[in-house]
Amino acid sequence: MLIYGLTPLGVFHTIVSLVALAAGVIALIRDGKISWDNSLGKIYVVTTIIVCLTGFGIFQHGGFGKPHALGVITLVTLG
């Protein structure tokens, strides 16, 4: 079943990415940084990890691509 051309995984990935984006923007505006020491920072990090992991299940162009490489780099950076 496709929703706006997206699979259920794609919909979940998109929704979680919007949560991560909002948490990051709010944290930057409010605190000037994203920090694990507050709830917004934790929401940002956890949702960003989820976005990276769910992104590995999306192969719109047939295989591992640049977006997947960015997910690996992001996970290594967060680690």
PDB file of N, CA and C in Angstrom:
ATOM      1  N   MET A   1       0.844  -1.185   0.000  1.00  0.00           N
ATOM      2  CA  MET A   1       0.000   0.000   0.000  1.00  0.00           C
ATOM      3  C   MET A   1       0.889   1.248   0.000  1.00  0.00           C
ATOM      4  N   LEU A   2       0.662   2.132  -0.931  1.00  0.00           N
ATOM      5  CA  LEU A   2       1.427   3.365  -1.021  1.00  0.00           C
ATOM      6  C   LEU A   2       0.600   4.543  -0.534  1.00  0.00           C
ATOM      7  N   ILE A   3       1.232   5.409   0.210  1.00  0.00           N
ATOM      8  CA  ILE A   3       0.599   6.632   0.695  1.00  0.00           C
ATOM      9  C   ILE A   3       1.414   7.790   0.126  1.00  0.00           C
ATOM     10  N   TYR A   4       0.818   8.574  -0.756  1.00  0.00           N
ATOM     11  CA  TYR A   4       1.518   9.659  -1.443  1.00  0.00           C
ATOM     12  C   TYR A   4       2.784   9.144  -2.128  1.00  0.00           C
ATOM     13  N   GLY A   5       2.739   7.940  -2.651  1.00  0.00           N
ATOM     14  CA  GLY A   5       3.878   7.356  -3.343  1.00  0.00           C
ATOM     15  C   GLY A   5       4.923   6.751  -2.429  1.00  0.00           C
ATOM     16  N   LEU A   6       4.645   6.710  -1.123  1.00  0.00           N
ATOM     17  CA  LEU A   6       5.602   6.175  -0.158  1.00  0.00           C
ATOM     18  C   LEU A   6       5.100   4.857   0.416  1.00  0.00           C
ATOM     19  N   THR A   7       6.026   3.964   0.694  1.00  0.00           N
ATOM     20  CA  THR A   7       5.681   2.736   1.398  1.00  0.00           C
ATOM     21  C   THR A   7       5.429   3.078   2.864  1.00  0.00           C
ATOM     22  N   PRO A   8       4.867   2.165   3.645  1.00  0.00           N
ATOM     23  CA  PRO A   8       4.706   2.434   5.079  1.00  0.00           C
ATOM     24  C   PRO A   8       6.041   2.772   5.765  1.00  0.00           C
ATOM     25  N   LEU A   9       7.119   2.096   5.358  1.00  0.00           N
ATOM     26  CA  LEU A   9       8.437   2.428   5.922  1.00  0.00           C
ATOM     27  C   LEU A   9       8.831   3.856   5.547  1.00  0.00           C
ATOM     28  N   GLY A  10       8.553   4.242   4.318  1.00  0.00           N
ATOM     29  CA  GLY A  10       8.857   5.596   3.879  1.00  0.00           C
ATOM     30  C   GLY A  10       8.065   6.655   4.631  1.00  0.00           C
ATOM     31  N   VAL A  11       6.804   6.354   4.910  1.00  0.00           N
ATOM     32  CA  VAL A  11       5.968   7.280   5.687  1.00  0.00           C
ATOM     33  C   VAL A  11       6.513   7.418   7.102  1.00  0.00           C
ATOM     34  N   PHE A  12       6.816   6.272   7.748  1.00  0.00           N
ATOM     35  CA  PHE A  12       7.371   6.300   9.107  1.00  0.00           C
ATOM     36  C   PHE A  12       8.693   7.068   9.118  1.00  0.00           C
ATOM     37  N   HIS A  13       9.571   6.783   8.169  1.00  0.00           N
ATOM     38  CA  HIS A  13      10.872   7.443   8.057  1.00  0.00           C
ATOM     39  C   HIS A  13      10.687   8.964   7.933  1.00  0.00           C
ATOM     40  N   THR A  14       9.739   9.383   7.108  1.00  0.00           N
ATOM     41  CA  THR A  14       9.497  10.809   6.892  1.00  0.00           C
ATOM     42  C   THR A  14       8.949  11.478   8.147  1.00  0.00           C
ATOM     43  N   ILE A  15       8.008  10.847   8.807  1.00  0.00           N
ATOM     44  CA  ILE A  15       7.431  11.430  10.030  1.00  0.00           C
ATOM     45  C   ILE A  15       8.495  11.570  11.114  1.00  0.00           C
ATOM     46  N   VAL A  16       9.286  10.522  11.312  1.00  0.00           N
ATOM     47  CA  VAL A  16      10.332  10.576  12.344  1.00  0.00           C
ATOM     48  C   VAL A  16      11.375  11.632  11.985  1.00  0.00           C
ATOM     49  N   SER A  17      11.695  11.764  10.691  1.00  0.00           N
ATOM     50  CA  SER A  17      12.677  12.776  10.293  1.00  0.00           C
ATOM     51  C   SER A  17      12.164  14.188  10.567  1.00  0.00           C
ATOM     52  N   LEU A  18      10.857  14.400  10.425  1.00  0.00           N
ATOM     53  CA  LEU A  18      10.293  15.716  10.729  1.00  0.00           C
ATOM     54  C   LEU A  18      10.353  16.010  12.227  1.00  0.00           C
ATOM     55  N   VAL A  19      10.166  14.986  13.048  1.00  0.00           N
ATOM     56  CA  VAL A  19      10.306  15.153  14.501  1.00  0.00           C
ATOM     57  C   VAL A  19      11.747  15.524  14.839  1.00  0.00           C
ATOM     58  N   ALA A  20      12.711  14.810  14.236  1.00  0.00           N
ATOM     59  CA  ALA A  20      14.127  15.111  14.468  1.00  0.00           C
ATOM     60  C   ALA A  20      14.460  16.535  14.045  1.00  0.00           C
ATOM     61  N   LEU A  21      13.982  16.920  12.878  1.00  0.00           N
ATOM     62  CA  LEU A  21      14.232  18.269  12.371  1.00  0.00           C
ATOM     63  C   LEU A  21      13.670  19.327  13.315  1.00  0.00           C
ATOM     64  N   ALA A  22      12.427  19.133  13.744  1.00  0.00           N
ATOM     65  CA  ALA A  22      11.797  20.103  14.647  1.00  0.00           C
ATOM     66  C   ALA A  22      12.546  20.187  15.969  1.00  0.00           C
ATOM     67  N   ALA A  23      12.903  19.038  16.545  1.00  0.00           N
ATOM     68  CA  ALA A  23      13.629  19.041  17.824  1.00  0.00           C
ATOM     69  C   ALA A  23      14.971  19.743  17.678  1.00  0.00           C
ATOM     70  N   GLY A  24      15.670  19.488  16.583  1.00  0.00           N
ATOM     71  CA  GLY A  24      16.962  20.129  16.367  1.00  0.00           C
ATOM     72  C   GLY A  24      16.845  21.636  16.199  1.00  0.00           C
ATOM     73  N   VAL A  25      15.882  22.070  15.417  1.00  0.00           N
ATOM     74  CA  VAL A  25      15.693  23.508  15.193  1.00  0.00           C
ATOM     75  C   VAL A  25      15.310  24.209  16.495  1.00  0.00           C
ATOM     76  N   ILE A  26      14.380  23.621  17.231  1.00  0.00           N
ATOM     77  CA  ILE A  26      13.947  24.237  18.495  1.00  0.00           C
ATOM     78  C   ILE A  26      15.111  24.301  19.482  1.00  0.00           C
ATOM     79  N   ALA A  27      15.897  23.220  19.571  1.00  0.00           N
ATOM     80  CA  ALA A  27      17.048  23.208  20.483  1.00  0.00           C
ATOM     81  C   ALA A  27      18.062  24.280  20.090  1.00  0.00           C
ATOM     82  N   LEU A  28      18.323  24.405  18.791  1.00  0.00           N
ATOM     83  CA  LEU A  28      19.289  25.416  18.349  1.00  0.00           C
ATOM     84  C   LEU A  28      18.804  26.830  18.626  1.00  0.00           C
ATOM     85  N   ILE A  29      17.524  27.066  18.401  1.00  0.00           N
ATOM     86  CA  ILE A  29      16.979  28.406  18.662  1.00  0.00           C
ATOM     87  C   ILE A  29      16.965  28.688  20.159  1.00  0.00           C
ATOM     88  N   ARG A  30      16.519  27.716  20.944  1.00  0.00           N
ATOM     89  CA  ARG A  30      16.384  27.910  22.386  1.00  0.00           C
ATOM     90  C   ARG A  30      17.725  27.941  23.116  1.00  0.00           C
ATOM     91  N   ASP A  31      18.609  26.986  22.774  1.00  0.00           N
ATOM     92  CA  ASP A  31      19.846  26.814  23.546  1.00  0.00           C
ATOM     93  C   ASP A  31      21.110  27.184  22.779  1.00  0.00           C
ATOM     94  N   GLY A  32      20.996  27.350  21.484  1.00  0.00           N
ATOM     95  CA  GLY A  32      22.174  27.638  20.680  1.00  0.00           C
ATOM     96  C   GLY A  32      22.997  26.395  20.364  1.00  0.00           C
ATOM     97  N   LYS A  33      22.542  25.229  20.811  1.00  0.00           N
ATOM     98  CA  LYS A  33      23.249  23.974  20.548  1.00  0.00           C
ATOM     99  C   LYS A  33      22.299  22.810  20.784  1.00  0.00           C
ATOM    100  N   ILE A  34      22.707  21.645  20.315  1.00  0.00           N
ATOM    101  CA  ILE A  34      21.960  20.419  20.584  1.00  0.00           C
ATOM    102  C   ILE A  34      22.771  19.639  21.604  1.00  0.00           C
ATOM    103  N   SER A  35      22.184  19.384  22.754  1.00  0.00           N
ATOM    104  CA  SER A  35      22.900  18.750  23.854  1.00  0.00           C
ATOM    105  C   SER A  35      22.129  17.549  24.377  1.00  0.00           C
ATOM    106  N   TRP A  36      22.847  16.490  24.700  1.00  0.00           N
ATOM    107  CA  TRP A  36      22.246  15.281  25.280  1.00  0.00           C
ATOM    108  C   TRP A  36      21.728  15.559  26.691  1.00  0.00           C
ATOM    109  N   ASP A  37      22.074  16.700  27.258  1.00  0.00           N
ATOM    110  CA  ASP A  37      21.709  17.031  28.640  1.00  0.00           C
ATOM    111  C   ASP A  37      20.261  17.473  28.810  1.00  0.00           C
ATOM    112  N   ASN A  38      19.505  17.642  27.711  1.00  0.00           N
ATOM    113  CA  ASN A  38      18.099  18.021  27.859  1.00  0.00           C
ATOM    114  C   ASN A  38      17.232  17.144  26.963  1.00  0.00           C
ATOM    115  N   SER A  39      15.933  17.220  27.177  1.00  0.00           N
ATOM    116  CA  SER A  39      15.015  16.327  26.471  1.00  0.00           C
ATOM    117  C   SER A  39      14.999  16.565  24.957  1.00  0.00           C
ATOM    118  N   LEU A  40      15.106  17.806  24.528  1.00  0.00           N
ATOM    119  CA  LEU A  40      15.112  18.072  23.088  1.00  0.00           C
ATOM    120  C   LEU A  40      16.328  17.444  22.417  1.00  0.00           C
ATOM    121  N   GLY A  41      17.467  17.529  23.065  1.00  0.00           N
ATOM    122  CA  GLY A  41      18.676  16.917  22.520  1.00  0.00           C
ATOM    123  C   GLY A  41      18.542  15.414  22.418  1.00  0.00           C
ATOM    124  N   LYS A  42      17.968  14.804  23.441  1.00  0.00           N
ATOM    125  CA  LYS A  42      17.759  13.350  23.425  1.00  0.00           C
ATOM    126  C   LYS A  42      16.778  12.943  22.332  1.00  0.00           C
ATOM    127  N   ILE A  43      15.702  13.721  22.182  1.00  0.00           N
ATOM    128  CA  ILE A  43      14.731  13.441  21.117  1.00  0.00           C
ATOM    129  C   ILE A  43      15.410  13.543  19.757  1.00  0.00           C
ATOM    130  N   TYR A  44      16.226  14.571  19.570  1.00  0.00           N
ATOM    131  CA  TYR A  44      16.927  14.757  18.300  1.00  0.00           C
ATOM    132  C   TYR A  44      17.845  13.576  17.992  1.00  0.00           C
ATOM    133  N   VAL A  45      18.658  13.192  18.957  1.00  0.00           N
ATOM    134  CA  VAL A  45      19.621  12.110  18.722  1.00  0.00           C
ATOM    135  C   VAL A  45      18.910  10.787  18.459  1.00  0.00           C
ATOM    136  N   VAL A  46      17.936  10.442  19.290  1.00  0.00           N
ATOM    137  CA  VAL A  46      17.242   9.159  19.130  1.00  0.00           C
ATOM    138  C   VAL A  46      16.481   9.108  17.807  1.00  0.00           C
ATOM    139  N   THR A  47      15.781  10.178  17.466  1.00  0.00           N
ATOM    140  CA  THR A  47      15.028  10.166  16.212  1.00  0.00           C
ATOM    141  C   THR A  47      15.961  10.196  15.002  1.00  0.00           C
ATOM    142  N   THR A  48      17.106  10.848  15.117  1.00  0.00           N
ATOM    143  CA  THR A  48      18.074  10.844  14.022  1.00  0.00           C
ATOM    144  C   THR A  48      18.626   9.440  13.802  1.00  0.00           C
ATOM    145  N   ILE A  49      18.888   8.715  14.875  1.00  0.00           N
ATOM    146  CA  ILE A  49      19.338   7.323  14.756  1.00  0.00           C
ATOM    147  C   ILE A  49      18.264   6.476  14.073  1.00  0.00           C
ATOM    148  N   ILE A  50      17.012   6.658  14.489  1.00  0.00           N
ATOM    149  CA  ILE A  50      15.910   5.911  13.873  1.00  0.00           C
ATOM    150  C   ILE A  50      15.805   6.234  12.386  1.00  0.00           C
ATOM    151  N   VAL A  51      15.950   7.508  12.036  1.00  0.00           N
ATOM    152  CA  VAL A  51      15.884   7.920  10.627  1.00  0.00           C
ATOM    153  C   VAL A  51      16.996   7.250   9.824  1.00  0.00           C
ATOM    154  N   CYS A  52      18.203   7.236  10.371  1.00  0.00           N
ATOM    155  CA  CYS A  52      19.316   6.589   9.666  1.00  0.00           C
ATOM    156  C   CYS A  52      19.040   5.100   9.469  1.00  0.00           C
ATOM    157  N   LEU A  53      18.592   4.430  10.512  1.00  0.00           N
ATOM    158  CA  LEU A  53      18.355   2.993  10.427  1.00  0.00           C
ATOM    159  C   LEU A  53      17.208   2.654   9.474  1.00  0.00           C
ATOM    160  N   THR A  54      16.135   3.414   9.515  1.00  0.00           N
ATOM    161  CA  THR A  54      15.023   3.134   8.606  1.00  0.00           C
ATOM    162  C   THR A  54      15.401   3.475   7.167  1.00  0.00           C
ATOM    163  N   GLY A  55      16.298   4.428   6.994  1.00  0.00           N
ATOM    164  CA  GLY A  55      16.749   4.792   5.657  1.00  0.00           C
ATOM    165  C   GLY A  55      17.459   3.654   4.940  1.00  0.00           C
ATOM    166  N   PHE A  56      18.092   2.767   5.720  1.00  0.00           N
ATOM    167  CA  PHE A  56      18.785   1.635   5.099  1.00  0.00           C
ATOM    168  C   PHE A  56      17.808   0.669   4.445  1.00  0.00           C
ATOM    169  N   GLY A  57      16.543   0.717   4.823  1.00  0.00           N
ATOM    170  CA  GLY A  57      15.533  -0.151   4.223  1.00  0.00           C
ATOM    171  C   GLY A  57      14.856   0.444   3.004  1.00  0.00           C
ATOM    172  N   ILE A  58      15.283   1.637   2.603  1.00  0.00           N
ATOM    173  CA  ILE A  58      14.676   2.316   1.462  1.00  0.00           C
ATOM    174  C   ILE A  58      15.665   2.276   0.297  1.00  0.00           C
ATOM    175  N   PHE A  59      15.300   1.565  -0.750  1.00  0.00           N
ATOM    176  CA  PHE A  59      16.164   1.421  -1.927  1.00  0.00           C
ATOM    177  C   PHE A  59      15.402   1.847  -3.168  1.00  0.00           C
ATOM    178  N   GLN A  60      15.188   3.140  -3.322  1.00  0.00           N
ATOM    179  CA  GLN A  60      14.386   3.640  -4.432  1.00  0.00           C
ATOM    180  C   GLN A  60      15.112   3.493  -5.771  1.00  0.00           C
ATOM    181  N   HIS A  61      16.439   3.512  -5.748  1.00  0.00           N
ATOM    182  CA  HIS A  61      17.195   3.455  -6.992  1.00  0.00           C
ATOM    183  C   HIS A  61      17.983   2.165  -7.126  1.00  0.00           C
ATOM    184  N   GLY A  62      17.561   1.104  -6.438  1.00  0.00           N
ATOM    185  CA  GLY A  62      18.108  -0.213  -6.678  1.00  0.00           C
ATOM    186  C   GLY A  62      19.154  -0.733  -5.718  1.00  0.00           C
ATOM    187  N   GLY A  63      19.801   0.074  -4.942  1.00  0.00           N
ATOM    188  CA  GLY A  63      20.835  -0.445  -4.050  1.00  0.00           C
ATOM    189  C   GLY A  63      21.395   0.631  -3.146  1.00  0.00           C
ATOM    190  N   PHE A  64      22.512   0.292  -2.530  1.00  0.00           N
ATOM    191  CA  PHE A  64      23.180   1.212  -1.613  1.00  0.00           C
ATOM    192  C   PHE A  64      23.632   2.439  -2.389  1.00  0.00           C
ATOM    193  N   GLY A  65      23.254   3.613  -1.884  1.00  0.00           N
ATOM    194  CA  GLY A  65      23.591   4.844  -2.590  1.00  0.00           C
ATOM    195  C   GLY A  65      24.113   5.920  -1.655  1.00  0.00           C
ATOM    196  N   LYS A  66      24.204   7.115  -2.173  1.00  0.00           N
ATOM    197  CA  LYS A  66      24.727   8.250  -1.400  1.00  0.00           C
ATOM    198  C   LYS A  66      23.918   8.516  -0.127  1.00  0.00           C
ATOM    199  N   PRO A  67      22.572   8.425  -0.163  1.00  0.00           N
ATOM    200  CA  PRO A  67      21.828   8.638   1.083  1.00  0.00           C
ATOM    201  C   PRO A  67      22.172   7.595   2.153  1.00  0.00           C
ATOM    202  N   HIS A  68      22.443   6.370   1.729  1.00  0.00           N
ATOM    203  CA  HIS A  68      22.816   5.331   2.687  1.00  0.00           C
ATOM    204  C   HIS A  68      24.198   5.624   3.278  1.00  0.00           C
ATOM    205  N   ALA A  69      25.114   6.095   2.437  1.00  0.00           N
ATOM    206  CA  ALA A  69      26.445   6.475   2.919  1.00  0.00           C
ATOM    207  C   ALA A  69      26.333   7.612   3.928  1.00  0.00           C
ATOM    208  N   LEU A  70      25.455   8.567   3.671  1.00  0.00           N
ATOM    209  CA  LEU A  70      25.238   9.663   4.618  1.00  0.00           C
ATOM    210  C   LEU A  70      24.702   9.126   5.939  1.00  0.00           C
ATOM    211  N   GLY A  71      23.834   8.116   5.892  1.00  0.00           N
ATOM    212  CA  GLY A  71      23.335   7.502   7.113  1.00  0.00           C
ATOM    213  C   GLY A  71      24.442   6.864   7.922  1.00  0.00           C
ATOM    214  N   VAL A  72      25.371   6.185   7.252  1.00  0.00           N
ATOM    215  CA  VAL A  72      26.520   5.583   7.938  1.00  0.00           C
ATOM    216  C   VAL A  72      27.382   6.662   8.574  1.00  0.00           C
ATOM    217  N   ILE A  73      27.670   7.722   7.820  1.00  0.00           N
ATOM    218  CA  ILE A  73      28.484   8.825   8.352  1.00  0.00           C
ATOM    219  C   ILE A  73      27.796   9.467   9.550  1.00  0.00           C
ATOM    220  N   THR A  74      26.503   9.671   9.465  1.00  0.00           N
ATOM    221  CA  THR A  74      25.745  10.262  10.568  1.00  0.00           C
ATOM    222  C   THR A  74      25.811   9.398  11.814  1.00  0.00           C
ATOM    223  N   LEU A  75      25.619   8.092  11.652  1.00  0.00           N
ATOM    224  CA  LEU A  75      25.673   7.185  12.799  1.00  0.00           C
ATOM    225  C   LEU A  75      27.053   7.153  13.427  1.00  0.00           C
ATOM    226  N   VAL A  76      28.094   7.159  12.603  1.00  0.00           N
ATOM    227  CA  VAL A  76      29.473   7.179  13.128  1.00  0.00           C
ATOM    228  C   VAL A  76      29.704   8.485  13.883  1.00  0.00           C
ATOM    229  N   THR A  77      29.240   9.593  13.334  1.00  0.00           N
ATOM    230  CA  THR A  77      29.411  10.901  13.992  1.00  0.00           C
ATOM    231  C   THR A  77      28.667  10.951  15.325  1.00  0.00           C
ATOM    232  N   LEU A  78      27.436  10.441  15.349  1.00  0.00           N
ATOM    233  CA  LEU A  78      26.670  10.438  16.600  1.00  0.00           C
ATOM    234  C   LEU A  78      27.312   9.515  17.639  1.00  0.00           C
ATOM    235  N   GLY A  79      27.934   8.426  17.151  1.00  0.00           N
ATOM    236  CA  GLY A  79      28.585   7.478  18.062  1.00  0.00           C
ATOM    237  C   GLY A  79      29.790   8.092  18.722  1.00  0.00           C
TER     238      GLY A  79
END
